[in-house]
Amino acid sequence: AMNAELPGGMTLMADMLNCRDRYNAT
């Protein structure tokens, strides 16, 4: 339902999390 009704929000959320430098960023 979230992907159907708020596709951009769900895509952008994943994009933002993919920007993380999980093991180095402080």
PDB file of all heavy atoms in Angstrom:
ATOM      1  N   ALA A   1       0.826  -1.202   0.000  1.00  0.00           N
ATOM      2  CA  ALA A   1       0.000   0.000   0.000  1.00  0.00           C
ATOM      3  C   ALA A   1       0.862   1.255   0.000  1.00  0.00           C
ATOM      4  O   ALA A   1       0.573   2.230  -0.719  1.00  0.00           O
ATOM      5  CB  ALA A   1      -0.937  -0.003   1.206  1.00  0.00           C
ATOM      6  N   MET A   2       1.920   1.259   0.778  1.00  0.00           N
ATOM      7  CA  MET A   2       2.809   2.424   0.839  1.00  0.00           C
ATOM      8  C   MET A   2       3.467   2.680  -0.516  1.00  0.00           C
ATOM      9  O   MET A   2       3.551   3.819  -0.973  1.00  0.00           O
ATOM     10  CB  MET A   2       3.872   2.216   1.913  1.00  0.00           C
ATOM     11  CG  MET A   2       3.345   2.210   3.336  1.00  0.00           C
ATOM     12  SD  MET A   2       2.689   3.819   3.857  1.00  0.00           S
ATOM     13  CE  MET A   2       4.164   4.827   3.862  1.00  0.00           C
ATOM     14  N   ASN A   3       3.935   1.618  -1.166  1.00  0.00           N
ATOM     15  CA  ASN A   3       4.586   1.774  -2.465  1.00  0.00           C
ATOM     16  C   ASN A   3       3.601   2.201  -3.546  1.00  0.00           C
ATOM     17  O   ASN A   3       3.975   2.884  -4.502  1.00  0.00           O
ATOM     18  CB  ASN A   3       5.273   0.469  -2.867  1.00  0.00           C
ATOM     19  CG  ASN A   3       6.569   0.241  -2.111  1.00  0.00           C
ATOM     20  OD1 ASN A   3       7.432   1.111  -2.061  1.00  0.00           O
ATOM     21  ND2 ASN A   3       6.716  -0.917  -1.494  1.00  0.00           N
ATOM     22  N   ALA A   4       2.335   1.812  -3.385  1.00  0.00           N
ATOM     23  CA  ALA A   4       1.320   2.180  -4.371  1.00  0.00           C
ATOM     24  C   ALA A   4       0.854   3.612  -4.198  1.00  0.00           C
ATOM     25  O   ALA A   4       0.677   4.342  -5.188  1.00  0.00           O
ATOM     26  CB  ALA A   4       0.127   1.226  -4.270  1.00  0.00           C
ATOM     27  N   GLU A   5       0.638   4.048  -2.954  1.00  0.00           N
ATOM     28  CA  GLU A   5       0.044   5.357  -2.696  1.00  0.00           C
ATOM     29  C   GLU A   5       1.069   6.459  -2.450  1.00  0.00           C
ATOM     30  O   GLU A   5       0.780   7.639  -2.633  1.00  0.00           O
ATOM     31  CB  GLU A   5      -0.908   5.266  -1.495  1.00  0.00           C
ATOM     32  CG  GLU A   5      -2.005   4.209  -1.633  1.00  0.00           C
ATOM     33  CD  GLU A   5      -3.058   4.573  -2.668  1.00  0.00           C
ATOM     34  OE1 GLU A   5      -2.865   5.546  -3.411  1.00  0.00           O
ATOM     35  OE2 GLU A   5      -4.086   3.876  -2.731  1.00  0.00           O
ATOM     36  N   LEU A   6       2.285   6.091  -2.024  1.00  0.00           N
ATOM     37  CA  LEU A   6       3.342   7.074  -1.762  1.00  0.00           C
ATOM     38  C   LEU A   6       4.651   6.604  -2.399  1.00  0.00           C
ATOM     39  O   LEU A   6       5.679   6.481  -1.729  1.00  0.00           O
ATOM     40  CB  LEU A   6       3.528   7.254  -0.248  1.00  0.00           C
ATOM     41  CG  LEU A   6       2.341   7.858   0.507  1.00  0.00           C
ATOM     42  CD1 LEU A   6       2.489   7.636   2.005  1.00  0.00           C
ATOM     43  CD2 LEU A   6       2.187   9.343   0.187  1.00  0.00           C
ATOM     44  N   PRO A   7       4.650   6.350  -3.690  1.00  0.00           N
ATOM     45  CA  PRO A   7       5.836   5.757  -4.323  1.00  0.00           C
ATOM     46  C   PRO A   7       7.081   6.619  -4.216  1.00  0.00           C
ATOM     47  O   PRO A   7       8.181   6.111  -3.967  1.00  0.00           O
ATOM     48  CB  PRO A   7       5.404   5.566  -5.781  1.00  0.00           C
ATOM     49  CG  PRO A   7       4.270   6.522  -5.992  1.00  0.00           C
ATOM     50  CD  PRO A   7       3.560   6.588  -4.669  1.00  0.00           C
ATOM     51  N   GLY A   8       6.930   7.918  -4.392  1.00  0.00           N
ATOM     52  CA  GLY A   8       8.089   8.794  -4.318  1.00  0.00           C
ATOM     53  C   GLY A   8       8.697   8.844  -2.938  1.00  0.00           C
ATOM     54  O   GLY A   8       9.922   8.842  -2.783  1.00  0.00           O
ATOM     55  N   GLY A   9       7.845   8.898  -1.914  1.00  0.00           N
ATOM     56  CA  GLY A   9       8.342   8.914  -0.550  1.00  0.00           C
ATOM     57  C   GLY A   9       9.122   7.660  -0.204  1.00  0.00           C
ATOM     58  O   GLY A   9      10.185   7.722   0.428  1.00  0.00           O
ATOM     59  N   MET A  10       8.618   6.505  -0.635  1.00  0.00           N
ATOM     60  CA  MET A  10       9.301   5.246  -0.343  1.00  0.00           C
ATOM     61  C   MET A  10      10.620   5.146  -1.115  1.00  0.00           C
ATOM     62  O   MET A  10      11.626   4.671  -0.583  1.00  0.00           O
ATOM     63  CB  MET A  10       8.388   4.081  -0.687  1.00  0.00           C
ATOM     64  CG  MET A  10       7.135   4.018   0.184  1.00  0.00           C
ATOM     65  SD  MET A  10       7.489   3.788   1.948  1.00  0.00           S
ATOM     66  CE  MET A  10       7.956   2.050   1.962  1.00  0.00           C
ATOM     67  N   THR A  11      10.613   5.608  -2.360  1.00  0.00           N
ATOM     68  CA  THR A  11      11.854   5.607  -3.146  1.00  0.00           C
ATOM     69  C   THR A  11      12.886   6.536  -2.544  1.00  0.00           C
ATOM     70  O   THR A  11      14.065   6.180  -2.412  1.00  0.00           O
ATOM     71  CB  THR A  11      11.560   6.031  -4.598  1.00  0.00           C
ATOM     72  OG1 THR A  11      10.684   5.078  -5.203  1.00  0.00           O
ATOM     73  CG2 THR A  11      12.841   6.110  -5.416  1.00  0.00           C
ATOM     74  N   LEU A  12      12.442   7.727  -2.173  1.00  0.00           N
ATOM     75  CA  LEU A  12      13.374   8.713  -1.630  1.00  0.00           C
ATOM     76  C   LEU A  12      13.937   8.260  -0.297  1.00  0.00           C
ATOM     77  O   LEU A  12      15.119   8.472  -0.005  1.00  0.00           O
ATOM     78  CB  LEU A  12      12.675  10.066  -1.478  1.00  0.00           C
ATOM     79  CG  LEU A  12      13.571  11.238  -1.056  1.00  0.00           C
ATOM     80  CD1 LEU A  12      14.703  11.445  -2.058  1.00  0.00           C
ATOM     81  CD2 LEU A  12      12.748  12.503  -0.917  1.00  0.00           C
ATOM     82  N   MET A  13      13.104   7.625   0.535  1.00  0.00           N
ATOM     83  CA  MET A  13      13.585   7.110   1.811  1.00  0.00           C
ATOM     84  C   MET A  13      14.732   6.128   1.577  1.00  0.00           C
ATOM     85  O   MET A  13      15.779   6.193   2.233  1.00  0.00           O
ATOM     86  CB  MET A  13      12.445   6.438   2.575  1.00  0.00           C
ATOM     87  CG  MET A  13      12.824   5.867   3.935  1.00  0.00           C
ATOM     88  SD  MET A  13      13.341   4.127   3.872  1.00  0.00           S
ATOM     89  CE  MET A  13      11.792   3.359   3.391  1.00  0.00           C
ATOM     90  N   ALA A  14      14.565   5.217   0.632  1.00  0.00           N
ATOM     91  CA  ALA A  14      15.635   4.254   0.329  1.00  0.00           C
ATOM     92  C   ALA A  14      16.869   4.965  -0.216  1.00  0.00           C
ATOM     93  O   ALA A  14      18.006   4.616   0.137  1.00  0.00           O
ATOM     94  CB  ALA A  14      15.125   3.223  -0.671  1.00  0.00           C
ATOM     95  N   ASP A  15      16.670   5.971  -1.075  1.00  0.00           N
ATOM     96  CA  ASP A  15      17.806   6.727  -1.615  1.00  0.00           C
ATOM     97  C   ASP A  15      18.592   7.415  -0.508  1.00  0.00           C
ATOM     98  O   ASP A  15      19.829   7.423  -0.524  1.00  0.00           O
ATOM     99  CB  ASP A  15      17.307   7.784  -2.610  1.00  0.00           C
ATOM    100  CG  ASP A  15      16.810   7.190  -3.915  1.00  0.00           C
ATOM    101  OD1 ASP A  15      17.095   6.006  -4.184  1.00  0.00           O
ATOM    102  OD2 ASP A  15      16.124   7.921  -4.658  1.00  0.00           O
ATOM    103  N   MET A  16      17.884   8.003   0.449  1.00  0.00           N
ATOM    104  CA  MET A  16      18.571   8.700   1.542  1.00  0.00           C
ATOM    105  C   MET A  16      19.378   7.735   2.384  1.00  0.00           C
ATOM    106  O   MET A  16      20.512   8.018   2.771  1.00  0.00           O
ATOM    107  CB  MET A  16      17.552   9.462   2.396  1.00  0.00           C
ATOM    108  CG  MET A  16      16.954  10.680   1.704  1.00  0.00           C
ATOM    109  SD  MET A  16      15.874  11.692   2.750  1.00  0.00           S
ATOM    110  CE  MET A  16      14.401  10.659   2.842  1.00  0.00           C
ATOM    111  N   LEU A  17      18.819   6.570   2.671  1.00  0.00           N
ATOM    112  CA  LEU A  17      19.545   5.589   3.471  1.00  0.00           C
ATOM    113  C   LEU A  17      20.733   5.014   2.702  1.00  0.00           C
ATOM    114  O   LEU A  17      21.760   4.670   3.297  1.00  0.00           O
ATOM    115  CB  LEU A  17      18.596   4.465   3.914  1.00  0.00           C
ATOM    116  CG  LEU A  17      17.513   4.880   4.911  1.00  0.00           C
ATOM    117  CD1 LEU A  17      16.614   3.696   5.244  1.00  0.00           C
ATOM    118  CD2 LEU A  17      18.115   5.457   6.188  1.00  0.00           C
ATOM    119  N   ASN A  18      20.619   4.926   1.381  1.00  0.00           N
ATOM    120  CA  ASN A  18      21.723   4.418   0.567  1.00  0.00           C
ATOM    121  C   ASN A  18      22.893   5.392   0.507  1.00  0.00           C
ATOM    122  O   ASN A  18      23.995   5.014   0.087  1.00  0.00           O
ATOM    123  CB  ASN A  18      21.238   4.098  -0.846  1.00  0.00           C
ATOM    124  CG  ASN A  18      20.399   2.837  -0.900  1.00  0.00           C
ATOM    125  OD1 ASN A  18      20.515   1.966  -0.036  1.00  0.00           O
ATOM    126  ND2 ASN A  18      19.552   2.721  -1.914  1.00  0.00           N
ATOM    127  N   CYS A  19      22.659   6.627   0.908  1.00  0.00           N
ATOM    128  CA  CYS A  19      23.732   7.622   0.923  1.00  0.00           C
ATOM    129  C   CYS A  19      24.652   7.479   2.133  1.00  0.00           C
ATOM    130  O   CYS A  19      25.681   8.153   2.215  1.00  0.00           O
ATOM    131  CB  CYS A  19      23.142   9.031   0.904  1.00  0.00           C
ATOM    132  SG  CYS A  19      22.573   9.562  -0.716  1.00  0.00           S
ATOM    133  N   ARG A  20      24.277   6.642   3.065  1.00  0.00           N
ATOM    134  CA  ARG A  20      25.078   6.518   4.290  1.00  0.00           C
ATOM    135  C   ARG A  20      26.444   5.881   4.017  1.00  0.00           C
ATOM    136  O   ARG A  20      26.571   4.968   3.218  1.00  0.00           O
ATOM    137  CB  ARG A  20      24.338   5.650   5.319  1.00  0.00           C
ATOM    138  CG  ARG A  20      23.078   6.247   5.881  1.00  0.00           C
ATOM    139  CD  ARG A  20      22.372   5.242   6.782  1.00  0.00           C
ATOM    140  NE  ARG A  20      21.976   4.045   6.036  1.00  0.00           N
ATOM    141  CZ  ARG A  20      21.630   2.897   6.593  1.00  0.00           C
ATOM    142  NH1 ARG A  20      21.639   2.774   7.903  1.00  0.00           N
ATOM    143  NH2 ARG A  20      21.275   1.869   5.840  1.00  0.00           N
ATOM    144  N   ASP A  21      27.446   6.365   4.709  1.00  0.00           N
ATOM    145  CA  ASP A  21      28.740   5.687   4.801  1.00  0.00           C
ATOM    146  C   ASP A  21      28.736   4.973   6.147  1.00  0.00           C
ATOM    147  O   ASP A  21      29.208   5.492   7.154  1.00  0.00           O
ATOM    148  CB  ASP A  21      29.877   6.697   4.709  1.00  0.00           C
ATOM    149  CG  ASP A  21      31.249   6.040   4.746  1.00  0.00           C
ATOM    150  OD1 ASP A  21      31.311   4.795   4.889  1.00  0.00           O
ATOM    151  OD2 ASP A  21      32.254   6.763   4.648  1.00  0.00           O
ATOM    152  N   ARG A  22      28.146   3.793   6.164  1.00  0.00           N
ATOM    153  CA  ARG A  22      27.763   3.146   7.424  1.00  0.00           C
ATOM    154  C   ARG A  22      28.945   2.842   8.341  1.00  0.00           C
ATOM    155  O   ARG A  22      28.788   2.859   9.568  1.00  0.00           O
ATOM    156  CB  ARG A  22      27.015   1.846   7.123  1.00  0.00           C
ATOM    157  CG  ARG A  22      25.698   2.064   6.373  1.00  0.00           C
ATOM    158  CD  ARG A  22      25.073   0.746   5.990  1.00  0.00           C
ATOM    159  NE  ARG A  22      24.769  -0.068   7.145  1.00  0.00           N
ATOM    160  CZ  ARG A  22      24.471  -1.365   7.087  1.00  0.00           C
ATOM    161  NH1 ARG A  22      24.481  -1.985   5.924  1.00  0.00           N
ATOM    162  NH2 ARG A  22      24.194  -2.036   8.194  1.00  0.00           N
ATOM    163  N   TYR A  23      30.111   2.580   7.788  1.00  0.00           N
ATOM    164  CA  TYR A  23      31.217   2.104   8.619  1.00  0.00           C
ATOM    165  C   TYR A  23      32.288   3.159   8.879  1.00  0.00           C
ATOM    166  O   TYR A  23      33.231   2.898   9.637  1.00  0.00           O
ATOM    167  CB  TYR A  23      31.856   0.874   7.973  1.00  0.00           C
ATOM    168  CG  TYR A  23      30.884  -0.283   7.863  1.00  0.00           C
ATOM    169  CD1 TYR A  23      30.224  -0.544   6.658  1.00  0.00           C
ATOM    170  CD2 TYR A  23      30.604  -1.082   8.966  1.00  0.00           C
ATOM    171  CE1 TYR A  23      29.306  -1.582   6.564  1.00  0.00           C
ATOM    172  CE2 TYR A  23      29.691  -2.128   8.871  1.00  0.00           C
ATOM    173  CZ  TYR A  23      29.052  -2.371   7.671  1.00  0.00           C
ATOM    174  OH  TYR A  23      28.140  -3.399   7.581  1.00  0.00           O
ATOM    175  N   ASN A  24      32.148   4.322   8.281  1.00  0.00           N
ATOM    176  CA  ASN A  24      33.182   5.343   8.443  1.00  0.00           C
ATOM    177  C   ASN A  24      32.669   6.701   8.908  1.00  0.00           C
ATOM    178  O   ASN A  24      33.390   7.426   9.588  1.00  0.00           O
ATOM    179  CB  ASN A  24      33.936   5.543   7.111  1.00  0.00           C
ATOM    180  CG  ASN A  24      34.629   4.275   6.648  1.00  0.00           C
ATOM    181  OD1 ASN A  24      35.554   3.799   7.296  1.00  0.00           O
ATOM    182  ND2 ASN A  24      34.176   3.730   5.523  1.00  0.00           N
ATOM    183  N   ALA A  25      31.439   7.056   8.546  1.00  0.00           N
ATOM    184  CA  ALA A  25      30.950   8.409   8.829  1.00  0.00           C
ATOM    185  C   ALA A  25      30.699   8.623  10.310  1.00  0.00           C
ATOM    186  O   ALA A  25      30.102   7.782  10.989  1.00  0.00           O
ATOM    187  CB  ALA A  25      29.661   8.667   8.057  1.00  0.00           C
ATOM    188  N   THR A  26      31.149   9.759  10.804  1.00  0.00           N
ATOM    189  CA  THR A  26      30.828  10.188  12.170  1.00  0.00           C
ATOM    190  C   THR A  26      29.853  11.358  12.158  1.00  0.00           C
ATOM    191  O   THR A  26      29.290  11.710  13.192  1.00  0.00           O
ATOM    192  CB  THR A  26      32.091  10.612  12.936  1.00  0.00           C
ATOM    193  OG1 THR A  26      32.727  11.685  12.230  1.00  0.00           O
ATOM    194  CG2 THR A  26      33.061   9.431  13.063  1.00  0.00           C
TER     195      THR A  26
END
